[in-house]
Protein backbone atom coordinates (compact mmCIF):
# COMPACT_ATOMS: atom_id res chain seq x y z
CA MET A 1 16.43 -8.01 18.20
CA THR A 2 15.85 -11.33 16.59
CA ASN A 3 15.38 -11.84 12.87
CA GLU A 4 12.31 -13.19 11.22
CA THR A 5 12.27 -16.89 10.23
CA LYS A 6 11.77 -18.73 7.00
CA LEU A 7 10.59 -22.21 6.02
CA VAL A 8 13.15 -24.30 4.24
CA HIS A 9 11.68 -27.39 2.60
CA ASN A 10 14.19 -30.01 1.06
CA VAL A 11 12.05 -31.75 -1.47
CA GLU A 12 14.66 -34.59 -2.03
CA THR A 13 14.63 -35.62 1.66
CA GLY A 14 11.30 -34.29 2.69
CA ASP A 15 12.93 -32.37 5.53
CA ILE A 16 11.29 -29.14 6.60
CA ALA A 17 13.05 -26.61 8.79
CA ILE A 18 12.35 -23.28 10.23
CA VAL A 19 15.43 -21.14 10.25
CA GLU A 20 16.18 -17.61 11.20
CA LEU A 21 17.01 -15.13 8.45
CA THR A 22 20.51 -13.96 8.26
CA ASP A 23 21.23 -10.32 8.94
CA LYS A 24 21.66 -9.63 5.23
CA GLU A 25 18.38 -11.40 4.38
CA GLN A 26 16.56 -9.47 7.18
CA GLU A 27 17.97 -6.19 5.77
CA THR A 28 16.66 -7.05 2.42
CA ARG A 29 13.31 -8.11 3.81
CA ASN A 30 13.09 -4.72 5.61
CA ALA A 31 14.01 -2.83 2.70
CA GLU A 32 11.41 -4.57 0.39
CA SER A 33 8.71 -4.01 3.10
CA GLN A 34 9.63 -0.35 3.39
CA ALA A 35 9.57 0.02 -0.46
CA SER A 36 6.07 -1.52 -0.53
CA LEU A 37 4.67 0.76 2.16
CA ASN A 38 6.28 3.71 0.27
CA ALA A 39 4.58 2.78 -2.95
CA LYS A 40 1.23 2.24 -1.30
CA ALA A 41 1.47 5.66 0.32
CA LYS A 42 2.39 7.21 -2.97
CA LYS A 43 -0.53 5.55 -4.65
CA ILE A 44 -2.95 6.84 -1.96
CA ALA A 45 -1.57 10.38 -2.25
CA ASP A 46 -1.88 10.37 -6.01
CA ALA A 47 -5.46 9.12 -5.79
CA GLN A 48 -6.23 11.83 -3.24
CA GLU A 49 -4.63 14.49 -5.39
CA LEU A 50 -6.57 13.43 -8.46
CA ARG A 51 -9.77 13.39 -6.55
CA LEU A 52 -9.19 16.94 -5.30
CA THR A 53 -8.27 18.11 -8.67
CA LYS A 54 -11.45 16.64 -10.20
CA ILE A 55 -13.51 18.26 -7.42
CA SER A 56 -11.87 21.68 -7.99
CA ALA A 57 -12.60 21.44 -11.69
CA TYR A 58 -16.32 20.61 -10.97
CA GLU A 59 -16.51 23.53 -8.52
CA LYS A 60 -15.16 25.81 -11.28
CA LEU A 61 -17.94 24.60 -13.61
CA GLY A 62 -20.43 25.62 -10.86
CA LEU A 63 -21.58 22.15 -9.83
CA THR A 64 -23.00 21.75 -6.35
CA ALA A 65 -21.68 19.39 -3.82
CA THR A 66 -24.62 16.93 -4.54
CA GLU A 67 -23.84 17.03 -8.12
CA ILE A 68 -20.11 16.38 -7.64
CA GLU A 69 -20.99 13.58 -5.29
CA ALA A 70 -23.26 11.91 -8.05
CA LEU A 71 -20.27 12.28 -10.59
CA LEU A 72 -17.49 11.45 -8.16
CA PRO A 73 -18.78 9.32 -5.33
CA THR A 74 -16.85 9.26 -2.03
CA PRO A 75 -14.70 6.13 -2.03
CA VAL A 76 -15.79 3.25 0.11
CA GLU A 77 -12.16 2.82 1.50
CA PRO A 78 -10.69 5.86 2.97
CA ILE A 79 -8.06 7.52 0.91
CA VAL A 80 -6.30 9.32 3.66
CA GLY A 81 -3.69 7.36 5.55
CA LEU A 82 -2.38 3.83 5.15
CA ILE A 83 -4.77 1.03 5.12
């Protein structure tokens, strides 16, 4: 498997080169990417959990589905899954 590439620009000489990442750089890039995906998944899960908690509280108060939708509209973007 080949590593990703990066653009290296030497501002003194004006040279521009596209070089392959070292194995260590690629590992760091992969770890950062995975951390970003994990953070996004956690944010989505937290938002979904909060929404379900609010819906449950509204149902305990005796609100109808229409009333709950008026107070807590369905999000435009889907909460479930990674976007």
